[in-house]
Amino acid sequence: MCVPCIIPLRIYGKGRKIRDTTVPLDYIAFLKRYRISRNLPDLPYSDEKSVLIEKIRGQGGMTSRHLRRLVQETFDHAYRTMSLAVGNSESSKLKEATTHWLRHTGASMELERGRALKDLSEDLGHASMATTDTVYVQTENMKRADSGKSRKVN
């Protein structure tokens, strides 16, 4: 099966609202490997009803709460490991990492790479592009303006 330009991924957002988001092409190899390990076709079909990530125990799809907990456990483990290796002062930022931080960081990086604000807004599930603009673009503009305050005039 050839790799399509865009694979939509149907997900639940806040308030259990369903929406489609795009899957980056760099992710396709990982998605294929995972699906093959579950004895599924390498890429999902548009009418497929299978869940993307199964629960570790039990049946059905993993909930967002379960997924957030696993990501947080991974951050916490990384913090403990890094603390032992390099000390608390070097790893303190990692201790503050959350799934929301990961979402915000990823979205900020997408904008820095030139992703269209409208596309990012839709993938994030914001009801309005103004929300994305306020949270990401205006925040970056304020940081830039603040960093320029201490410049000297020659």
N, C-alpha and C. Protein backbone atom coordinates (compact mmCIF):
# COMPACT_ATOMS: atom_id res chain seq x y z
N MET A 1 0.86 -1.18 0.00
CA MET A 1 0.00 0.00 0.00
C MET A 1 0.90 1.24 0.00
N CYS A 2 0.60 2.19 -0.86
CA CYS A 2 1.43 3.40 -0.93
C CYS A 2 1.09 4.34 0.22
N VAL A 3 2.03 5.19 0.55
CA VAL A 3 1.84 6.14 1.65
C VAL A 3 1.06 7.34 1.12
N PRO A 4 -0.12 7.62 1.71
CA PRO A 4 -0.89 8.78 1.26
C PRO A 4 -0.25 10.07 1.76
N CYS A 5 -0.65 11.18 1.17
CA CYS A 5 -0.13 12.48 1.59
C CYS A 5 -0.56 12.81 3.01
N ILE A 6 -1.79 12.53 3.32
CA ILE A 6 -2.31 12.85 4.64
C ILE A 6 -3.15 11.67 5.13
N ILE A 7 -2.91 11.25 6.35
CA ILE A 7 -3.77 10.26 6.97
C ILE A 7 -4.55 10.99 8.05
N PRO A 8 -5.87 11.07 7.93
CA PRO A 8 -6.61 11.71 9.01
C PRO A 8 -6.73 10.74 10.18
N LEU A 9 -6.62 11.27 11.35
CA LEU A 9 -6.76 10.48 12.57
C LEU A 9 -7.95 11.05 13.32
N ARG A 10 -8.97 10.25 13.52
CA ARG A 10 -10.19 10.68 14.21
C ARG A 10 -9.94 10.53 15.71
N ILE A 11 -10.06 11.64 16.43
CA ILE A 11 -9.79 11.64 17.87
C ILE A 11 -10.91 12.37 18.61
N TYR A 12 -10.96 12.13 19.92
CA TYR A 12 -11.88 12.85 20.79
C TYR A 12 -11.12 13.97 21.46
N GLY A 13 -11.69 15.15 21.46
CA GLY A 13 -11.10 16.30 22.12
C GLY A 13 -11.84 16.61 23.40
N LYS A 14 -11.71 17.85 23.86
CA LYS A 14 -12.41 18.29 25.05
C LYS A 14 -13.91 18.10 24.88
N GLY A 15 -14.58 17.72 25.94
CA GLY A 15 -16.01 17.53 25.87
C GLY A 15 -16.42 16.37 24.98
N ARG A 16 -15.47 15.45 24.75
CA ARG A 16 -15.69 14.27 23.91
C ARG A 16 -16.15 14.64 22.51
N LYS A 17 -15.75 15.82 22.03
CA LYS A 17 -16.06 16.23 20.65
C LYS A 17 -15.09 15.50 19.73
N ILE A 18 -15.64 14.90 18.68
CA ILE A 18 -14.79 14.16 17.75
C ILE A 18 -14.31 15.09 16.64
N ARG A 19 -13.06 14.89 16.24
CA ARG A 19 -12.52 15.69 15.13
C ARG A 19 -11.42 14.90 14.44
N ASP A 20 -11.11 15.33 13.22
CA ASP A 20 -10.02 14.71 12.47
C ASP A 20 -8.79 15.58 12.62
N THR A 21 -7.65 14.94 12.78
CA THR A 21 -6.37 15.63 12.82
C THR A 21 -5.44 14.91 11.86
N THR A 22 -4.38 15.56 11.45
CA THR A 22 -3.48 14.95 10.49
C THR A 22 -2.35 14.20 11.20
N VAL A 23 -1.83 13.20 10.52
CA VAL A 23 -0.71 12.41 11.04
C VAL A 23 0.51 12.77 10.20
N PRO A 24 1.60 13.24 10.83
CA PRO A 24 2.80 13.59 10.07
C PRO A 24 3.36 12.37 9.33
N LEU A 25 3.90 12.60 8.14
CA LEU A 25 4.45 11.50 7.34
C LEU A 25 5.58 10.78 8.07
N ASP A 26 6.35 11.49 8.89
CA ASP A 26 7.44 10.84 9.64
C ASP A 26 6.91 9.80 10.63
N TYR A 27 5.64 9.89 10.97
CA TYR A 27 5.03 8.98 11.93
C TYR A 27 4.56 7.68 11.28
N ILE A 28 4.42 7.67 9.96
CA ILE A 28 3.82 6.54 9.25
C ILE A 28 4.55 5.22 9.52
N ALA A 29 5.87 5.23 9.53
CA ALA A 29 6.61 3.99 9.77
C ALA A 29 6.30 3.41 11.15
N PHE A 30 6.16 4.27 12.15
CA PHE A 30 5.84 3.81 13.51
C PHE A 30 4.40 3.28 13.56
N LEU A 31 3.50 3.98 12.89
CA LEU A 31 2.10 3.55 12.85
C LEU A 31 1.98 2.19 12.18
N LYS A 32 2.68 2.02 11.07
CA LYS A 32 2.65 0.73 10.37
C LYS A 32 3.17 -0.40 11.26
N ARG A 33 4.31 -0.18 11.91
CA ARG A 33 4.91 -1.20 12.76
C ARG A 33 3.95 -1.59 13.89
N TYR A 34 3.32 -0.60 14.51
CA TYR A 34 2.38 -0.86 15.59
C TYR A 34 1.18 -1.65 15.09
N ARG A 35 0.61 -1.24 13.94
CA ARG A 35 -0.58 -1.90 13.42
C ARG A 35 -0.28 -3.34 13.02
N ILE A 36 0.88 -3.57 12.42
CA ILE A 36 1.25 -4.93 12.04
C ILE A 36 1.41 -5.80 13.29
N SER A 37 1.93 -5.22 14.38
CA SER A 37 2.07 -5.99 15.63
C SER A 37 0.71 -6.38 16.21
N ARG A 38 -0.35 -5.67 15.81
CA ARG A 38 -1.71 -5.99 16.25
C ARG A 38 -2.48 -6.79 15.21
N ASN A 39 -1.76 -7.30 14.18
CA ASN A 39 -2.36 -8.08 13.09
C ASN A 39 -3.43 -7.29 12.34
N LEU A 40 -3.17 -6.01 12.13
CA LEU A 40 -4.06 -5.15 11.35
C LEU A 40 -3.36 -4.80 10.04
N PRO A 41 -4.11 -4.34 9.04
CA PRO A 41 -3.45 -3.85 7.82
C PRO A 41 -2.48 -2.73 8.19
N ASP A 42 -1.43 -2.55 7.38
CA ASP A 42 -0.39 -1.59 7.76
C ASP A 42 -0.91 -0.16 7.91
N LEU A 43 -1.91 0.23 7.14
CA LEU A 43 -2.49 1.56 7.29
C LEU A 43 -3.99 1.43 7.47
N PRO A 44 -4.59 2.32 8.24
CA PRO A 44 -6.04 2.22 8.49
C PRO A 44 -6.84 2.57 7.24
N TYR A 45 -7.99 1.92 7.13
CA TYR A 45 -8.93 2.26 6.08
C TYR A 45 -9.90 3.30 6.61
N SER A 46 -10.47 4.10 5.73
CA SER A 46 -11.34 5.19 6.17
C SER A 46 -12.56 4.69 6.93
N ASP A 47 -13.03 3.48 6.64
CA ASP A 47 -14.22 2.98 7.32
C ASP A 47 -13.89 2.02 8.47
N GLU A 48 -12.62 1.91 8.80
CA GLU A 48 -12.18 0.97 9.84
C GLU A 48 -12.69 1.41 11.21
N LYS A 49 -13.12 0.45 12.01
CA LYS A 49 -13.66 0.76 13.33
C LYS A 49 -12.72 0.36 14.47
N SER A 50 -11.54 -0.16 14.16
CA SER A 50 -10.63 -0.58 15.22
C SER A 50 -10.05 0.64 15.94
N VAL A 51 -9.65 0.43 17.18
CA VAL A 51 -9.07 1.52 17.97
C VAL A 51 -7.59 1.65 17.61
N LEU A 52 -7.06 2.84 17.77
CA LEU A 52 -5.65 3.06 17.43
C LEU A 52 -4.74 2.48 18.50
N ILE A 53 -5.04 2.75 19.77
CA ILE A 53 -4.21 2.26 20.87
C ILE A 53 -5.10 1.48 21.83
N GLU A 54 -4.81 0.19 21.95
CA GLU A 54 -5.60 -0.66 22.85
C GLU A 54 -5.18 -0.46 24.29
N LYS A 55 -6.10 -0.75 25.19
CA LYS A 55 -5.77 -0.73 26.62
C LYS A 55 -4.73 -1.80 26.90
N ILE A 56 -3.93 -1.57 27.92
CA ILE A 56 -2.92 -2.57 28.30
C ILE A 56 -3.62 -3.79 28.89
N ARG A 57 -4.63 -3.54 29.72
CA ARG A 57 -5.46 -4.62 30.28
C ARG A 57 -6.90 -4.36 29.87
N GLY A 58 -7.63 -5.40 29.57
CA GLY A 58 -9.03 -5.23 29.18
C GLY A 58 -9.15 -5.04 27.69
N GLN A 59 -10.35 -4.65 27.28
CA GLN A 59 -10.62 -4.49 25.86
C GLN A 59 -11.00 -3.06 25.55
N GLY A 60 -10.90 -2.72 24.28
CA GLY A 60 -11.30 -1.39 23.84
C GLY A 60 -10.11 -0.45 23.75
N GLY A 61 -10.43 0.78 23.44
CA GLY A 61 -9.39 1.78 23.25
C GLY A 61 -8.94 2.41 24.55
N MET A 62 -7.71 2.86 24.54
CA MET A 62 -7.15 3.55 25.70
C MET A 62 -7.81 4.93 25.82
N THR A 63 -8.18 5.30 27.02
CA THR A 63 -8.80 6.60 27.22
C THR A 63 -7.73 7.69 27.29
N SER A 64 -8.15 8.93 27.09
CA SER A 64 -7.20 10.04 27.16
C SER A 64 -6.61 10.15 28.56
N ARG A 65 -7.39 9.83 29.58
CA ARG A 65 -6.88 9.86 30.96
C ARG A 65 -5.76 8.85 31.15
N HIS A 66 -5.96 7.64 30.62
CA HIS A 66 -4.93 6.60 30.72
C HIS A 66 -3.67 7.01 29.96
N LEU A 67 -3.87 7.54 28.77
CA LEU A 67 -2.73 7.97 27.96
C LEU A 67 -1.96 9.10 28.63
N ARG A 68 -2.69 10.08 29.21
CA ARG A 68 -2.03 11.17 29.94
C ARG A 68 -1.21 10.63 31.11
N ARG A 69 -1.79 9.65 31.82
CA ARG A 69 -1.08 9.07 32.97
C ARG A 69 0.20 8.36 32.52
N LEU A 70 0.16 7.63 31.41
CA LEU A 70 1.36 6.96 30.91
C LEU A 70 2.43 7.96 30.49
N VAL A 71 2.01 9.03 29.82
CA VAL A 71 2.98 10.06 29.41
C VAL A 71 3.58 10.71 30.64
N GLN A 72 2.75 11.02 31.65
CA GLN A 72 3.25 11.64 32.86
C GLN A 72 4.21 10.72 33.61
N GLU A 73 3.89 9.43 33.66
CA GLU A 73 4.79 8.46 34.29
C GLU A 73 6.13 8.42 33.57
N THR A 74 6.10 8.56 32.25
CA THR A 74 7.34 8.58 31.46
C THR A 74 8.17 9.81 31.80
N PHE A 75 7.52 10.98 31.88
CA PHE A 75 8.21 12.20 32.29
C PHE A 75 8.82 12.06 33.68
N ASP A 76 8.04 11.51 34.61
CA ASP A 76 8.51 11.36 35.99
C ASP A 76 9.70 10.41 36.06
N HIS A 77 9.64 9.32 35.31
CA HIS A 77 10.75 8.36 35.28
C HIS A 77 12.00 9.02 34.69
N ALA A 78 11.81 9.78 33.61
CA ALA A 78 12.95 10.47 32.98
C ALA A 78 13.56 11.47 33.96
N TYR A 79 12.73 12.17 34.72
CA TYR A 79 13.23 13.12 35.71
C TYR A 79 14.07 12.41 36.77
N ARG A 80 13.54 11.30 37.30
CA ARG A 80 14.29 10.56 38.34
C ARG A 80 15.63 10.06 37.80
N THR A 81 15.60 9.51 36.59
CA THR A 81 16.82 8.99 35.97
C THR A 81 17.83 10.11 35.72
N MET A 82 17.34 11.24 35.20
CA MET A 82 18.24 12.37 34.92
C MET A 82 18.77 12.97 36.22
N SER A 83 17.95 13.02 37.26
CA SER A 83 18.39 13.56 38.55
C SER A 83 19.56 12.75 39.11
N LEU A 84 19.46 11.43 38.99
CA LEU A 84 20.55 10.57 39.47
C LEU A 84 21.81 10.76 38.64
N ALA A 85 21.64 10.98 37.35
CA ALA A 85 22.79 11.09 36.45
C ALA A 85 23.48 12.45 36.52
N VAL A 86 22.70 13.54 36.59
CA VAL A 86 23.31 14.87 36.51
C VAL A 86 22.92 15.81 37.65
N GLY A 87 22.04 15.37 38.53
CA GLY A 87 21.64 16.20 39.66
C GLY A 87 20.32 16.92 39.45
N ASN A 88 19.72 17.38 40.55
CA ASN A 88 18.40 18.01 40.51
C ASN A 88 18.40 19.34 39.77
N SER A 89 19.47 20.13 39.90
CA SER A 89 19.45 21.44 39.27
C SER A 89 19.37 21.34 37.75
N GLU A 90 20.05 20.34 37.18
CA GLU A 90 20.03 20.15 35.72
C GLU A 90 18.71 19.58 35.23
N SER A 91 18.01 18.84 36.09
CA SER A 91 16.80 18.15 35.65
C SER A 91 15.51 18.81 36.15
N SER A 92 15.63 19.97 36.79
CA SER A 92 14.45 20.59 37.42
C SER A 92 13.34 20.92 36.42
N LYS A 93 13.69 21.36 35.22
CA LYS A 93 12.67 21.68 34.21
C LYS A 93 11.87 20.44 33.81
N LEU A 94 12.56 19.30 33.75
CA LEU A 94 11.87 18.07 33.38
C LEU A 94 10.85 17.67 34.43
N LYS A 95 11.10 18.03 35.69
CA LYS A 95 10.15 17.70 36.75
C LYS A 95 8.80 18.39 36.53
N GLU A 96 8.82 19.53 35.86
CA GLU A 96 7.59 20.29 35.62
C GLU A 96 6.85 19.86 34.36
N ALA A 97 7.42 18.94 33.58
CA ALA A 97 6.83 18.54 32.30
C ALA A 97 5.50 17.83 32.50
N THR A 98 4.53 18.19 31.68
CA THR A 98 3.20 17.58 31.69
C THR A 98 2.77 17.32 30.24
N THR A 99 1.67 16.62 30.08
CA THR A 99 1.15 16.39 28.74
C THR A 99 0.73 17.72 28.10
N HIS A 100 0.21 18.64 28.88
CA HIS A 100 -0.18 19.94 28.33
C HIS A 100 1.06 20.70 27.86
N TRP A 101 2.15 20.62 28.62
CA TRP A 101 3.41 21.24 28.23
C TRP A 101 3.89 20.64 26.90
N LEU A 102 3.77 19.32 26.77
CA LEU A 102 4.19 18.64 25.55
C LEU A 102 3.36 19.11 24.36
N ARG A 103 2.06 19.25 24.55
CA ARG A 103 1.16 19.76 23.49
C ARG A 103 1.56 21.17 23.09
N HIS A 104 1.78 22.02 24.10
CA HIS A 104 2.13 23.42 23.84
C HIS A 104 3.49 23.52 23.13
N THR A 105 4.45 22.74 23.58
CA THR A 105 5.78 22.75 22.97
C THR A 105 5.72 22.29 21.52
N GLY A 106 5.00 21.21 21.28
CA GLY A 106 4.86 20.71 19.92
C GLY A 106 4.19 21.72 18.99
N ALA A 107 3.14 22.37 19.48
CA ALA A 107 2.44 23.37 18.68
C ALA A 107 3.34 24.57 18.40
N SER A 108 4.09 25.00 19.40
CA SER A 108 5.01 26.13 19.20
C SER A 108 6.07 25.79 18.17
N MET A 109 6.58 24.57 18.22
CA MET A 109 7.60 24.14 17.26
C MET A 109 7.02 24.08 15.85
N GLU A 110 5.77 23.64 15.72
CA GLU A 110 5.12 23.60 14.41
C GLU A 110 5.02 25.00 13.81
N LEU A 111 4.66 25.98 14.63
CA LEU A 111 4.57 27.36 14.14
C LEU A 111 5.94 27.89 13.73
N GLU A 112 6.96 27.58 14.53
CA GLU A 112 8.32 28.02 14.21
C GLU A 112 8.79 27.44 12.88
N ARG A 113 8.33 26.25 12.56
CA ARG A 113 8.72 25.59 11.30
C ARG A 113 7.89 26.08 10.12
N GLY A 114 6.95 27.00 10.38
CA GLY A 114 6.18 27.59 9.31
C GLY A 114 4.83 26.97 9.04
N ARG A 115 4.33 26.14 9.94
CA ARG A 115 3.01 25.55 9.75
C ARG A 115 1.95 26.63 9.75
N ALA A 116 0.97 26.52 8.88
CA ALA A 116 -0.10 27.50 8.79
C ALA A 116 -0.91 27.52 10.08
N LEU A 117 -1.19 28.72 10.57
CA LEU A 117 -1.94 28.88 11.83
C LEU A 117 -3.30 28.20 11.75
N LYS A 118 -3.96 28.31 10.62
CA LYS A 118 -5.30 27.70 10.46
C LYS A 118 -5.21 26.18 10.60
N ASP A 119 -4.21 25.57 9.95
CA ASP A 119 -4.07 24.12 10.02
C ASP A 119 -3.75 23.66 11.44
N LEU A 120 -2.85 24.37 12.10
CA LEU A 120 -2.49 24.03 13.48
C LEU A 120 -3.70 24.18 14.39
N SER A 121 -4.45 25.26 14.21
CA SER A 121 -5.65 25.51 15.01
C SER A 121 -6.64 24.36 14.90
N GLU A 122 -6.85 23.87 13.68
CA GLU A 122 -7.78 22.76 13.48
C GLU A 122 -7.26 21.48 14.11
N ASP A 123 -5.97 21.18 13.96
CA ASP A 123 -5.41 19.97 14.57
C ASP A 123 -5.47 20.03 16.10
N LEU A 124 -5.31 21.23 16.66
CA LEU A 124 -5.38 21.38 18.12
C LEU A 124 -6.82 21.32 18.63
N GLY A 125 -7.78 21.48 17.72
CA GLY A 125 -9.18 21.42 18.12
C GLY A 125 -9.71 22.71 18.70
N HIS A 126 -9.03 23.82 18.41
CA HIS A 126 -9.53 25.10 18.91
C HIS A 126 -10.77 25.50 18.12
N ALA A 127 -11.78 26.01 18.83
CA ALA A 127 -13.03 26.42 18.18
C ALA A 127 -12.80 27.62 17.26
N SER A 128 -11.81 28.42 17.60
CA SER A 128 -11.52 29.63 16.83
C SER A 128 -10.02 29.73 16.59
N MET A 129 -9.65 30.22 15.40
CA MET A 129 -8.24 30.43 15.12
C MET A 129 -7.68 31.53 16.02
N ALA A 130 -8.55 32.41 16.52
CA ALA A 130 -8.11 33.47 17.42
C ALA A 130 -7.53 32.88 18.71
N THR A 131 -8.04 31.74 19.15
CA THR A 131 -7.50 31.08 20.34
C THR A 131 -6.06 30.67 20.10
N THR A 132 -5.80 30.05 18.97
CA THR A 132 -4.44 29.63 18.63
C THR A 132 -3.53 30.84 18.51
N ASP A 133 -4.03 31.88 17.88
CA ASP A 133 -3.25 33.11 17.72
C ASP A 133 -2.89 33.70 19.08
N THR A 134 -3.87 33.78 19.97
CA THR A 134 -3.64 34.36 21.30
C THR A 134 -2.65 33.54 22.11
N VAL A 135 -2.86 32.23 22.12
CA VAL A 135 -2.03 31.36 22.96
C VAL A 135 -0.61 31.23 22.42
N TYR A 136 -0.44 31.08 21.11
CA TYR A 136 0.88 30.79 20.56
C TYR A 136 1.57 31.99 19.94
N VAL A 137 0.91 32.67 19.02
CA VAL A 137 1.56 33.78 18.31
C VAL A 137 1.75 34.98 19.22
N GLN A 138 0.71 35.41 19.91
CA GLN A 138 0.81 36.59 20.76
C GLN A 138 1.77 36.35 21.93
N THR A 139 1.78 35.15 22.46
CA THR A 139 2.72 34.81 23.54
C THR A 139 4.15 34.94 23.05
N GLU A 140 4.43 34.43 21.84
CA GLU A 140 5.77 34.53 21.28
C GLU A 140 6.14 35.98 21.01
N ASN A 141 5.18 36.78 20.53
CA ASN A 141 5.45 38.20 20.30
C ASN A 141 5.79 38.92 21.60
N MET A 142 5.08 38.58 22.68
CA MET A 142 5.36 39.21 23.98
C MET A 142 6.74 38.81 24.49
N LYS A 143 7.11 37.53 24.31
CA LYS A 143 8.45 37.08 24.72
C LYS A 143 9.52 37.83 23.94
N ARG A 144 9.31 37.97 22.64
CA ARG A 144 10.28 38.67 21.79
C ARG A 144 10.41 40.13 22.22
N ALA A 145 9.28 40.78 22.46
CA ALA A 145 9.31 42.19 22.88
C ALA A 145 10.01 42.33 24.22
N ASP A 146 9.74 41.41 25.15
CA ASP A 146 10.36 41.46 26.47
C ASP A 146 11.87 41.24 26.37
N SER A 147 12.29 40.35 25.47
CA SER A 147 13.73 40.07 25.35
C SER A 147 14.46 41.27 24.74
N GLY A 148 13.77 42.12 24.02
CA GLY A 148 14.40 43.27 23.40
C GLY A 148 14.48 44.50 24.28
N LYS A 149 13.85 44.48 25.43
CA LYS A 149 13.81 45.66 26.31
C LYS A 149 15.17 46.08 26.81
N SER A 150 16.06 45.13 27.04
CA SER A 150 17.36 45.45 27.64
C SER A 150 18.43 45.78 26.61
N ARG A 151 18.07 45.88 25.33
CA ARG A 151 19.06 46.21 24.31
C ARG A 151 19.57 47.63 24.52
N LYS A 152 20.81 47.84 24.18
CA LYS A 152 21.44 49.16 24.30
C LYS A 152 21.43 49.86 22.96
N VAL A 153 21.27 51.17 23.00
CA VAL A 153 21.33 51.98 21.77
C VAL A 153 22.74 52.52 21.66
N ASN A 154 23.39 52.28 20.55
CA ASN A 154 24.77 52.73 20.36
C ASN A 154 24.82 54.01 19.58
